[in-house]
C-alpha atoms as a PDB file:
ATOM      1  CA  MET A   1     -15.221  37.334 -34.998  1.00  0.00           C
ATOM      2  CA  ASP A   2     -12.366  36.420 -32.660  1.00  0.00           C
ATOM      3  CA  LEU A   3     -13.243  36.959 -29.319  1.00  0.00           C
ATOM      4  CA  ARG A   4     -11.609  37.298 -25.777  1.00  0.00           C
ATOM      5  CA  PHE A   5     -14.245  36.850 -22.863  1.00  0.00           C
ATOM      6  CA  ALA A   6     -13.148  38.551 -19.980  1.00  0.00           C
ATOM      7  CA  ARG A   7     -14.210  39.517 -16.312  1.00  0.00           C
ATOM      8  CA  VAL A   8     -12.942  42.995 -14.973  1.00  0.00           C
ATOM      9  CA  GLY A   9     -13.242  44.875 -11.490  1.00  0.00           C
ATOM     10  CA  ASP A  10     -12.709  44.686  -7.850  1.00  0.00           C
ATOM     11  CA  VAL A  11     -12.729  41.571  -6.276  1.00  0.00           C
ATOM     12  CA  SER A  12     -15.736  39.651  -5.907  1.00  0.00           C
ATOM     13  CA  CYS A  13     -17.384  42.737  -7.720  1.00  0.00           C
ATOM     14  CA  GLU A  14     -16.349  41.247 -11.334  1.00  0.00           C
ATOM     15  CA  ARG A  15     -18.967  42.147 -14.500  1.00  0.00           C
ATOM     16  CA  PRO A  16     -18.353  40.330 -17.539  1.00  0.00           C
ATOM     17  CA  VAL A  17     -17.027  41.273 -20.799  1.00  0.00           C
ATOM     18  CA  VAL A  18     -16.293  40.456 -24.172  1.00  0.00           C
ATOM     19  CA  GLY A  19     -13.323  41.580 -26.556  1.00  0.00           C
ATOM     20  CA  ASN A  20     -14.188  42.097 -30.140  1.00  0.00           C
ATOM     21  CA  ILE A  21     -10.584  41.598 -32.420  1.00  0.00           C
ATOM     22  CA  GLY A  22     -10.584  43.219 -35.885  1.00  0.00           C
ATOM     23  CA  PRO A  23      -9.576  42.332 -38.698  1.00  0.00           C
ATOM     24  CA  GLU A  24      -6.005  44.660 -37.937  1.00  0.00           C
ATOM     25  CA  SER A  25      -5.620  44.121 -34.126  1.00  0.00           C
ATOM     26  CA  GLU A  26      -8.242  46.605 -33.218  1.00  0.00           C
ATOM     27  CA  GLU A  27      -9.348  45.357 -29.709  1.00  0.00           C
ATOM     28  CA  ARG A  28     -12.835  46.881 -29.085  1.00  0.00           C
ATOM     29  CA  TRP A  29     -14.719  45.628 -25.515  1.00  0.00           C
ATOM     30  CA  PHE A  30     -18.306  44.903 -25.141  1.00  0.00           C
ATOM     31  CA  ASP A  31     -20.509  44.858 -21.659  1.00  0.00           C
ATOM     32  CA  LEU A  32     -21.982  40.930 -21.643  1.00  0.00           C
ATOM     33  CA  ARG A  33     -24.422  41.828 -19.017  1.00  0.00           C
ATOM     34  CA  PRO A  34     -27.388  41.888 -21.547  1.00  0.00           C
ATOM     35  CA  LEU A  35     -26.921  37.772 -22.072  1.00  0.00           C
ATOM     36  CA  THR A  36     -25.208  37.279 -18.802  1.00  0.00           C
ATOM     37  CA  GLN A  37     -24.533  38.307 -15.049  1.00  0.00           C
ATOM     38  CA  ASP A  38     -20.806  36.269 -15.197  1.00  0.00           C
ATOM     39  CA  ILE A  39     -18.902  34.335 -16.922  1.00  0.00           C
ATOM     40  CA  ASP A  40     -19.601  30.554 -15.331  1.00  0.00           C
ATOM     41  CA  GLY A  41     -20.942  27.252 -15.848  1.00  0.00           C
ATOM     42  CA  SER A  42     -24.020  28.090 -17.154  1.00  0.00           C
ATOM     43  CA  PHE A  43     -23.084  31.053 -19.476  1.00  0.00           C
ATOM     44  CA  LEU A  44     -20.730  28.130 -21.023  1.00  0.00           C
ATOM     45  CA  ALA A  45     -23.497  25.261 -20.978  1.00  0.00           C
ATOM     46  CA  GLU A  46     -26.405  27.474 -22.228  1.00  0.00           C
ATOM     47  CA  GLU A  47     -24.516  28.324 -25.614  1.00  0.00           C
ATOM     48  CA  GLY A  48     -23.066  31.459 -24.333  1.00  0.00           C
ATOM     49  CA  VAL A  49     -20.072  31.441 -27.215  1.00  0.00           C
ATOM     50  CA  ALA A  50     -22.377  31.223 -29.838  1.00  0.00           C
ATOM     51  CA  ARG A  51     -25.204  33.877 -27.951  1.00  0.00           C
ATOM     52  CA  THR A  52     -22.410  36.162 -27.966  1.00  0.00           C
ATOM     53  CA  ARG A  53     -21.496  36.307 -31.377  1.00  0.00           C
ATOM     54  CA  ALA A  54     -25.191  36.896 -32.295  1.00  0.00           C
ATOM     55  CA  ALA A  55     -25.548  39.752 -29.961  1.00  0.00           C
ATOM     56  CA  LEU A  56     -22.007  41.171 -31.126  1.00  0.00           C
ATOM     57  CA  ARG A  57     -23.930  40.810 -34.989  1.00  0.00           C
ATOM     58  CA  SER A  58     -26.896  42.326 -34.333  1.00  0.00           C
ATOM     59  CA  GLY A  59     -25.675  45.233 -32.059  1.00  0.00           C
ATOM     60  CA  ALA A  60     -26.748  44.495 -28.739  1.00  0.00           C
ATOM     61  CA  LEU A  61     -24.333  44.438 -26.653  1.00  0.00           C
ATOM     62  CA  PRO A  62     -22.892  48.314 -25.455  1.00  0.00           C
ATOM     63  CA  GLU A  63     -19.429  49.198 -25.943  1.00  0.00           C
ATOM     64  CA  VAL A  64     -17.458  49.759 -22.959  1.00  0.00           C
ATOM     65  CA  SER A  65     -14.104  50.810 -21.798  1.00  0.00           C
ATOM     66  CA  ILE A  66     -12.208  48.625 -19.541  1.00  0.00           C
ATOM     67  CA  HIS A  67      -9.141  50.617 -19.351  1.00  0.00           C
ATOM     68  CA  GLY A  68      -7.716  51.103 -15.975  1.00  0.00           C
ATOM     69  CA  LEU A  69     -10.051  48.431 -14.260  1.00  0.00           C
ATOM     70  CA  ARG A  70      -9.315  45.480 -12.040  1.00  0.00           C
ATOM     71  CA  VAL A  71      -9.044  42.151 -14.328  1.00  0.00           C
ATOM     72  CA  GLY A  72     -10.340  39.126 -12.608  1.00  0.00           C
ATOM     73  CA  ALA A  73     -10.196  35.642 -13.205  1.00  0.00           C
ATOM     74  CA  PRO A  74     -11.818  34.853 -16.977  1.00  0.00           C
ATOM     75  CA  VAL A  75     -13.871  32.619 -15.347  1.00  0.00           C
ATOM     76  CA  ALA A  76     -16.028  32.775 -12.089  1.00  0.00           C
ATOM     77  CA  ARG A  77     -14.556  30.551  -9.245  1.00  0.00           C
ATOM     78  CA  PRO A  78     -15.159  27.638 -10.317  1.00  0.00           C
ATOM     79  CA  GLY A  79     -16.404  24.178  -9.027  1.00  0.00           C
ATOM     80  CA  SER A  80     -13.396  22.057  -9.778  1.00  0.00           C
ATOM     81  CA  VAL A  81      -9.853  22.684 -10.487  1.00  0.00           C
ATOM     82  CA  ILE A  82      -8.132  19.921 -11.735  1.00  0.00           C
ATOM     83  CA  CYS A  83      -4.277  19.987 -12.326  1.00  0.00           C
ATOM     84  CA  ILE A  84      -2.330  17.238 -14.558  1.00  0.00           C
ATOM     85  CA  GLY A  85       1.121  16.761 -13.452  1.00  0.00           C
ATOM     86  CA  MET A  86       4.701  15.790 -15.496  1.00  0.00           C
ATOM     87  CA  ASN A  87       2.578  16.522 -18.632  1.00  0.00           C
ATOM     88  CA  TYR A  88       6.040  17.860 -20.696  1.00  0.00           C
ATOM     89  CA  ILE A  89       8.975  15.087 -21.274  1.00  0.00           C
ATOM     90  CA  ALA A  90      11.467  17.876 -20.456  1.00  0.00           C
ATOM     91  CA  HIS A  91       9.547  19.020 -17.240  1.00  0.00           C
ATOM     92  CA  ALA A  92       9.674  15.297 -15.816  1.00  0.00           C
ATOM     93  CA  ALA A  93      13.406  14.925 -16.394  1.00  0.00           C
ATOM     94  CA  GLU A  94      13.983  17.969 -14.741  1.00  0.00           C
ATOM     95  CA  SER A  95      12.131  16.642 -11.836  1.00  0.00           C
ATOM     96  CA  GLY A  96      13.808  13.323 -11.935  1.00  0.00           C
ATOM     97  CA  SER A  97      10.944  11.100 -12.590  1.00  0.00           C
ATOM     98  CA  ALA A  98      10.070   9.123 -16.113  1.00  0.00           C
ATOM     99  CA  PRO A  99       7.393  10.388 -18.497  1.00  0.00           C
ATOM    100  CA  PRO A 100       4.080   8.747 -17.362  1.00  0.00           C
ATOM    101  CA  THR A 101       2.351   6.382 -19.215  1.00  0.00           C
ATOM    102  CA  ILE A 102      -1.288   7.669 -18.031  1.00  0.00           C
ATOM    103  CA  PRO A 103      -1.957  11.407 -16.995  1.00  0.00           C
ATOM    104  CA  VAL A 104      -1.424  12.355 -13.520  1.00  0.00           C
ATOM    105  CA  VAL A 105      -4.120  14.304 -11.698  1.00  0.00           C
ATOM    106  CA  PHE A 106      -4.088  16.256  -8.613  1.00  0.00           C
ATOM    107  CA  LEU A 107      -6.641  18.816  -7.407  1.00  0.00           C
ATOM    108  CA  LYS A 108      -5.865  22.128  -6.109  1.00  0.00           C
ATOM    109  CA  PRO A 109      -9.108  24.039  -4.365  1.00  0.00           C
ATOM    110  CA  SER A 110     -11.190  26.415  -5.952  1.00  0.00           C
ATOM    111  CA  ASN A 111     -10.638  29.408  -3.426  1.00  0.00           C
ATOM    112  CA  THR A 112      -7.121  29.720  -5.031  1.00  0.00           C
ATOM    113  CA  VAL A 113      -8.124  30.822  -8.129  1.00  0.00           C
ATOM    114  CA  THR A 114      -7.268  34.782  -8.267  1.00  0.00           C
ATOM    115  CA  GLY A 115      -6.560  37.362 -11.421  1.00  0.00           C
ATOM    116  CA  PRO A 116      -3.840  37.743 -13.218  1.00  0.00           C
ATOM    117  CA  PHE A 117      -2.086  40.687 -11.935  1.00  0.00           C
ATOM    118  CA  ASP A 118      -3.132  40.674  -8.446  1.00  0.00           C
ATOM    119  CA  ALA A 119      -0.254  40.839  -6.386  1.00  0.00           C
ATOM    120  CA  ALA A 120       1.033  37.661  -5.108  1.00  0.00           C
ATOM    121  CA  PRO A 121       1.749  35.968  -1.181  1.00  0.00           C
ATOM    122  CA  ILE A 122       4.620  33.503  -0.631  1.00  0.00           C
ATOM    123  CA  PRO A 123       3.540  32.045   2.206  1.00  0.00           C
ATOM    124  CA  PRO A 124       5.222  33.239   5.619  1.00  0.00           C
ATOM    125  CA  ASP A 125       7.692  30.169   5.777  1.00  0.00           C
ATOM    126  CA  SER A 126       8.383  29.357   2.467  1.00  0.00           C
ATOM    127  CA  THR A 127      11.511  28.956   0.752  1.00  0.00           C
ATOM    128  CA  HIS A 128      10.985  26.759  -2.300  1.00  0.00           C
ATOM    129  CA  TYR A 129       7.808  29.052  -3.948  1.00  0.00           C
ATOM    130  CA  ASP A 130       8.081  27.706  -7.932  1.00  0.00           C
ATOM    131  CA  TRP A 131       6.181  29.043 -10.908  1.00  0.00           C
ATOM    132  CA  GLU A 132       4.574  26.766 -13.342  1.00  0.00           C
ATOM    133  CA  ALA A 133       3.164  28.371 -16.558  1.00  0.00           C
ATOM    134  CA  GLU A 134       0.272  26.219 -17.524  1.00  0.00           C
ATOM    135  CA  PHE A 135      -2.327  26.178 -20.742  1.00  0.00           C
ATOM    136  CA  GLY A 136      -5.903  25.740 -18.872  1.00  0.00           C
ATOM    137  CA  ILE A 137      -9.037  24.063 -20.339  1.00  0.00           C
ATOM    138  CA  VAL A 138     -12.243  25.535 -19.603  1.00  0.00           C
ATOM    139  CA  LEU A 139     -15.513  22.484 -19.833  1.00  0.00           C
ATOM    140  CA  GLY A 140     -18.553  23.866 -21.976  1.00  0.00           C
ATOM    141  CA  ARG A 141     -20.510  20.629 -20.518  1.00  0.00           C
ATOM    142  CA  THR A 142     -20.786  18.098 -18.062  1.00  0.00           C
ATOM    143  CA  ALA A 143     -18.777  15.129 -18.678  1.00  0.00           C
ATOM    144  CA  SER A 144     -18.966  11.423 -17.631  1.00  0.00           C
ATOM    145  CA  TYR A 145     -17.676   8.951 -18.579  1.00  0.00           C
ATOM    146  CA  LEU A 146     -17.075   9.946 -22.130  1.00  0.00           C
ATOM    147  CA  SER A 147     -16.606   7.201 -24.853  1.00  0.00           C
ATOM    148  CA  GLY A 148     -13.511   8.945 -26.380  1.00  0.00           C
ATOM    149  CA  THR A 149     -11.542  11.894 -27.594  1.00  0.00           C
ATOM    150  CA  ARG A 150     -13.961  12.903 -30.128  1.00  0.00           C
ATOM    151  CA  GLU A 151     -16.643  13.183 -27.457  1.00  0.00           C
ATOM    152  CA  ALA A 152     -13.934  15.183 -24.672  1.00  0.00           C
ATOM    153  CA  ALA A 153     -13.124  17.423 -27.398  1.00  0.00           C
ATOM    154  CA  ASP A 154     -16.840  18.972 -27.599  1.00  0.00           C
ATOM    155  CA  CYS A 155     -16.695  19.564 -23.922  1.00  0.00           C
ATOM    156  CA  ILE A 156     -14.469  21.757 -23.848  1.00  0.00           C
ATOM    157  CA  ALA A 157     -15.717  25.587 -23.812  1.00  0.00           C
ATOM    158  CA  GLY A 158     -12.097  27.527 -24.321  1.00  0.00           C
ATOM    159  CA  TYR A 159      -8.848  27.623 -22.798  1.00  0.00           C
ATOM    160  CA  LEU A 160      -6.512  30.219 -21.177  1.00  0.00           C
ATOM    161  CA  ALA A 161      -3.263  30.961 -19.197  1.00  0.00           C
ATOM    162  CA  ALA A 162      -2.291  29.894 -15.820  1.00  0.00           C
ATOM    163  CA  ASN A 163       0.337  29.914 -13.210  1.00  0.00           C
ATOM    164  CA  ASP A 164      -0.155  26.741 -11.305  1.00  0.00           C
ATOM    165  CA  LEU A 165       2.214  28.276  -7.814  1.00  0.00           C
ATOM    166  CA  SER A 166       3.635  25.466  -6.007  1.00  0.00           C
ATOM    167  CA  GLU A 167       5.301  25.276  -2.842  1.00  0.00           C
ATOM    168  CA  ARG A 168       8.082  22.271  -3.316  1.00  0.00           C
ATOM    169  CA  GLU A 169       8.947  21.589   0.401  1.00  0.00           C
ATOM    170  CA  TYR A 170       5.371  21.221   1.024  1.00  0.00           C
ATOM    171  CA  GLN A 171       4.473  19.137  -1.695  1.00  0.00           C
ATOM    172  CA  LEU A 172       7.668  16.911  -2.245  1.00  0.00           C
ATOM    173  CA  PRO A 173       9.489  15.311   1.030  1.00  0.00           C
ATOM    174  CA  GLY A 174       8.596  12.463   2.646  1.00  0.00           C
ATOM    175  CA  ALA A 175       7.948   9.286   1.425  1.00  0.00           C
ATOM    176  CA  ALA A 176       3.920   9.385   0.236  1.00  0.00           C
ATOM    177  CA  GLY A 177       4.751  13.645  -0.588  1.00  0.00           C
ATOM    178  CA  GLN A 178       2.412  15.770   0.103  1.00  0.00           C
ATOM    179  CA  TRP A 179       0.884  17.180  -2.892  1.00  0.00           C
ATOM    180  CA  THR A 180      -2.049  18.562  -1.845  1.00  0.00           C
ATOM    181  CA  LYS A 181      -0.127  21.251   0.749  1.00  0.00           C
ATOM    182  CA  GLY A 182       2.184  22.227  -1.817  1.00  0.00           C
ATOM    183  CA  LYS A 183      -0.931  23.072  -4.151  1.00  0.00           C
ATOM    184  CA  SER A 184      -3.527  24.619  -2.232  1.00  0.00           C
ATOM    185  CA  LEU A 185      -1.924  27.818  -1.220  1.00  0.00           C
ATOM    186  CA  PRO A 186      -3.804  31.390  -1.427  1.00  0.00           C
ATOM    187  CA  ALA A 187      -3.716  33.196  -4.582  1.00  0.00           C
ATOM    188  CA  SER A 188      -1.539  30.197  -5.744  1.00  0.00           C
ATOM    189  CA  THR A 189      -3.450  30.395  -9.056  1.00  0.00           C
ATOM    190  CA  PRO A 190      -3.776  33.017 -11.455  1.00  0.00           C
ATOM    191  CA  LEU A 191      -5.701  32.753 -14.326  1.00  0.00           C
ATOM    192  CA  GLY A 192      -6.322  35.086 -17.253  1.00  0.00           C
ATOM    193  CA  PRO A 193      -6.184  37.475 -18.281  1.00  0.00           C
ATOM    194  CA  TRP A 194      -8.996  36.188 -20.959  1.00  0.00           C
ATOM    195  CA  LEU A 195     -10.747  32.816 -22.088  1.00  0.00           C
ATOM    196  CA  VAL A 196     -10.877  32.800 -25.398  1.00  0.00           C
ATOM    197  CA  PRO A 197     -12.545  30.232 -27.415  1.00  0.00           C
ATOM    198  CA  ALA A 198     -11.811  26.737 -28.185  1.00  0.00           C
ATOM    199  CA  ASP A 199     -12.628  27.088 -31.938  1.00  0.00           C
ATOM    200  CA  GLN A 200     -10.100  29.851 -32.506  1.00  0.00           C
ATOM    201  CA  ILE A 201      -7.093  28.159 -30.524  1.00  0.00           C
ATOM    202  CA  ASP A 202      -5.119  25.196 -32.171  1.00  0.00           C
ATOM    203  CA  ALA A 203      -4.139  23.867 -29.370  1.00  0.00           C
ATOM    204  CA  ALA A 204      -1.700  21.410 -30.880  1.00  0.00           C
ATOM    205  CA  ASP A 205       0.980  24.154 -31.576  1.00  0.00           C
ATOM    206  CA  LEU A 206       1.155  27.476 -28.395  1.00  0.00           C
ATOM    207  CA  ARG A 207       3.904  28.749 -27.456  1.00  0.00           C
ATOM    208  CA  LEU A 208       4.192  29.160 -23.160  1.00  0.00           C
ATOM    209  CA  ARG A 209       6.477  31.175 -21.718  1.00  0.00           C
ATOM    210  CA  SER A 210       7.806  32.218 -18.525  1.00  0.00           C
ATOM    211  CA  TRP A 211       9.681  35.352 -17.112  1.00  0.00           C
ATOM    212  CA  ILE A 212      11.705  36.020 -13.856  1.00  0.00           C
ATOM    213  CA  ASN A 213      12.273  39.803 -13.459  1.00  0.00           C
ATOM    214  CA  GLY A 214      12.256  39.998 -17.227  1.00  0.00           C
ATOM    215  CA  ASP A 215      14.438  37.003 -17.389  1.00  0.00           C
ATOM    216  CA  VAL A 216      12.783  34.111 -19.182  1.00  0.00           C
ATOM    217  CA  ARG A 217      12.517  30.791 -17.241  1.00  0.00           C
ATOM    218  CA  GLN A 218      10.294  28.994 -19.445  1.00  0.00           C
ATOM    219  CA  ASP A 219       9.955  28.542 -23.716  1.00  0.00           C
ATOM    220  CA  SER A 220       8.084  25.824 -25.202  1.00  0.00           C
ATOM    221  CA  THR A 221       5.407  24.814 -27.020  1.00  0.00           C
ATOM    222  CA  THR A 222       1.966  22.699 -26.523  1.00  0.00           C
ATOM    223  CA  SER A 223       3.201  19.977 -29.184  1.00  0.00           C
ATOM    224  CA  ASP A 224       5.698  18.842 -26.529  1.00  0.00           C
ATOM    225  CA  MET A 225       2.863  17.894 -24.376  1.00  0.00           C
ATOM    226  CA  ILE A 226       2.503  14.001 -24.119  1.00  0.00           C
ATOM    227  CA  PHE A 227      -1.493  13.860 -23.390  1.00  0.00           C
ATOM    228  CA  ASP A 228      -3.473  16.546 -25.572  1.00  0.00           C
ATOM    229  CA  PRO A 229      -6.639  18.653 -23.898  1.00  0.00           C
ATOM    230  CA  PRO A 230      -8.506  16.246 -25.387  1.00  0.00           C
ATOM    231  CA  THR A 231      -7.468  12.757 -23.908  1.00  0.00           C
ATOM    232  CA  VAL A 232      -6.923  14.773 -20.742  1.00  0.00           C
ATOM    233  CA  VAL A 233     -10.634  15.435 -20.669  1.00  0.00           C
ATOM    234  CA  HIS A 234     -11.464  11.563 -21.765  1.00  0.00           C
ATOM    235  CA  HIS A 235      -9.011  10.427 -19.035  1.00  0.00           C
ATOM    236  CA  VAL A 236     -10.414  12.660 -16.385  1.00  0.00           C
ATOM    237  CA  SER A 237     -14.573  12.321 -16.615  1.00  0.00           C
ATOM    238  CA  GLN A 238     -13.188   8.265 -16.066  1.00  0.00           C
ATOM    239  CA  TYR A 239     -12.649   9.053 -12.187  1.00  0.00           C
ATOM    240  CA  MET A 240     -14.687  12.503 -11.775  1.00  0.00           C
ATOM    241  CA  LEU A 241     -17.542  14.610 -13.048  1.00  0.00           C
ATOM    242  CA  LEU A 242     -16.582  17.442 -14.851  1.00  0.00           C
ATOM    243  CA  GLU A 243     -18.731  20.642 -14.988  1.00  0.00           C
ATOM    244  CA  PRO A 244     -19.163  23.424 -17.275  1.00  0.00           C
ATOM    245  CA  GLY A 245     -16.692  26.028 -15.643  1.00  0.00           C
ATOM    246  CA  ASP A 246     -14.356  23.441 -14.500  1.00  0.00           C
ATOM    247  CA  VAL A 247     -10.580  24.386 -15.157  1.00  0.00           C
ATOM    248  CA  ILE A 248      -8.073  21.520 -15.898  1.00  0.00           C
ATOM    249  CA  LEU A 249      -4.657  22.900 -16.054  1.00  0.00           C
ATOM    250  CA  THR A 250      -2.831  20.890 -18.525  1.00  0.00           C
ATOM    251  CA  GLY A 251       0.751  20.942 -16.570  1.00  0.00           C
ATOM    252  CA  THR A 252       3.841  22.926 -16.961  1.00  0.00           C
ATOM    253  CA  PRO A 253       6.878  22.668 -19.368  1.00  0.00           C
ATOM    254  CA  GLU A 254      10.998  22.617 -18.455  1.00  0.00           C
ATOM    255  CA  GLY A 255      12.209  26.001 -16.415  1.00  0.00           C
ATOM    256  CA  VAL A 256      11.117  25.557 -13.210  1.00  0.00           C
ATOM    257  CA  ALA A 257      12.899  26.385  -9.642  1.00  0.00           C
ATOM    258  CA  LEU A 258      12.601  23.002  -9.046  1.00  0.00           C
ATOM    259  CA  SER A 259      15.272  21.949 -11.814  1.00  0.00           C
ATOM    260  CA  GLY A 260      17.856  23.608  -9.807  1.00  0.00           C
ATOM    261  CA  ARG A 261      18.731  25.895 -12.409  1.00  0.00           C
ATOM    262  CA  PHE A 262      16.874  28.794 -11.023  1.00  0.00           C
ATOM    263  CA  PRO A 263      16.199  30.645  -7.570  1.00  0.00           C
ATOM    264  CA  TYR A 264      12.836  29.832  -6.062  1.00  0.00           C
ATOM    265  CA  LEU A 265      10.438  32.944  -5.671  1.00  0.00           C
ATOM    266  CA  GLN A 266      11.039  35.900  -3.405  1.00  0.00           C
ATOM    267  CA  PRO A 267       9.508  38.751  -2.020  1.00  0.00           C
ATOM    268  CA  GLY A 268       9.673  41.448  -4.382  1.00  0.00           C
ATOM    269  CA  ASP A 269      10.262  39.345  -7.884  1.00  0.00           C
ATOM    270  CA  VAL A 270       8.047  39.867 -10.710  1.00  0.00           C
ATOM    271  CA  ALA A 271       6.883  36.096 -12.505  1.00  0.00           C
ATOM    272  CA  GLU A 272       5.054  36.648 -15.944  1.00  0.00           C
ATOM    273  CA  VAL A 273       3.126  33.983 -17.902  1.00  0.00           C
ATOM    274  CA  GLU A 274       2.172  34.028 -21.743  1.00  0.00           C
ATOM    275  CA  ILE A 275       1.113  31.971 -23.791  1.00  0.00           C
ATOM    276  CA  GLY A 276       0.019  32.640 -27.535  1.00  0.00           C
ATOM    277  CA  ALA A 277      -3.327  34.085 -27.839  1.00  0.00           C
ATOM    278  CA  LEU A 278      -4.505  33.633 -24.095  1.00  0.00           C
ATOM    279  CA  GLY A 279      -2.272  36.757 -23.227  1.00  0.00           C
ATOM    280  CA  ARG A 280      -0.198  37.901 -20.738  1.00  0.00           C
ATOM    281  CA  GLN A 281      -0.115  37.766 -16.788  1.00  0.00           C
ATOM    282  CA  ARG A 282       1.883  39.292 -14.395  1.00  0.00           C
ATOM    283  CA  GLN A 283       2.336  39.162 -10.312  1.00  0.00           C
ATOM    284  CA  GLU A 284       4.626  40.667  -8.058  1.00  0.00           C
ATOM    285  CA  TYR A 285       5.144  38.836  -5.002  1.00  0.00           C
ATOM    286  CA  PHE A 286       5.067  39.619  -1.327  1.00  0.00           C
ATOM    287  CA  ARG A 287       5.953  38.111   1.997  1.00  0.00           C
ATOM    288  CA  ALA A 288       2.335  36.959   3.825  1.00  0.00           C
ATOM    289  CA  ALA A 289       2.247  38.280   7.186  1.00  0.00           C
ATOM    290  CA  ARG A 290       0.247  35.732   9.918  1.00  0.00           C
ATOM    291  CA  PRO A 291      -2.583  37.883  11.923  1.00  0.00           C
ATOM    292  CA  VAL A 292      -1.469  39.507  14.658  1.00  0.00           C
ATOM    293  CA  PRO A 293      -3.146  37.859  17.541  1.00  0.00           C
ATOM    294  CA  LYS A 294      -4.954  40.213  19.804  1.00  0.00           C
ATOM    295  CA  GLY A 295      -3.445  42.359  21.912  1.00  0.00           C
ATOM    296  CA  SER A 296      -0.153  41.912  20.697  1.00  0.00           C
ATOM    297  CA  GLU A 297       1.595  44.853  18.379  1.00  0.00           C
ATOM    298  CA  LEU A 298       4.672  44.483  15.536  1.00  0.00           C
ATOM    299  CA  SER A 299       7.532  46.056  15.518  1.00  0.00           C
ATOM    300  CA  GLU A 300       7.906  48.240  12.300  1.00  0.00           C
ATOM    301  CA  ASN A 301      10.586  45.683  10.988  1.00  0.00           C
ATOM    302  CA  GLU A 302       8.022  42.776  11.225  1.00  0.00           C
ATOM    303  CA  ARG A 303       4.746  44.814   9.437  1.00  0.00           C
ATOM    304  CA  VAL A 304       4.653  43.068   5.706  1.00  0.00           C
ATOM    305  CA  SER A 305       2.472  44.380   3.540  1.00  0.00           C
ATOM    306  CA  PRO A 306       2.017  43.924  -0.649  1.00  0.00           C
END
């Protein structure tokens, strides 16, 4: 039974659904609300995947249509979004860095999470906004000071696709760098479209691709990762408490604008990210506008909208 967990509906009003993929790729969707009001840490920690499979076998979930509905991030706002930097050898090289010998860890605010097809704002003064196709881990158990990678693997509920959007001019210049500034911008973490259970995915050999305006930018596989998902979860658990529903983004392969081979994102561009069985996402980019001071007006040429 191949499952895809998703959340559909308007922003802040998403409802949980599950897709059951049949033997001939027939896709049927079912309402998850008889089991949970959302796909969140509590649902995942309480054997949500196993309970969903049992409910589908018993016919306890009503079938629904999701055609025409907005797709939100497949997991409700996580407590933490943890990122691993330079986790592909070729990407480290194009960034001008040696491959790390231990995972490079940084955080993104959870309020950067957005849906996989939502319009994406480029900051008002940004000139170096970059895409990063990433393979994401979703935690299903609390993890702290794990003893090894086998225990870490048992903490992984599933996987998802992500785009870790980064403003390089904010992130990299200066003696110390400013990673938090470059990685914290609004709507800079599109997730989804689906959360796929870990036991359905061969995390060692997934194809990752990205396109800008239909042209391929990234084309790699998770076999090129330096640190695999269990190693990442084990390492991070030594330094912070991981909770069910938390998301870890495991790094991006080569082919980003930072390489100097491609232009940075511009208003009107379309970015797409696809990772194997985890699905494909798509964002159209627009220039975010600064708030208009009370009592002032913008000219027609200054008005910017998605």
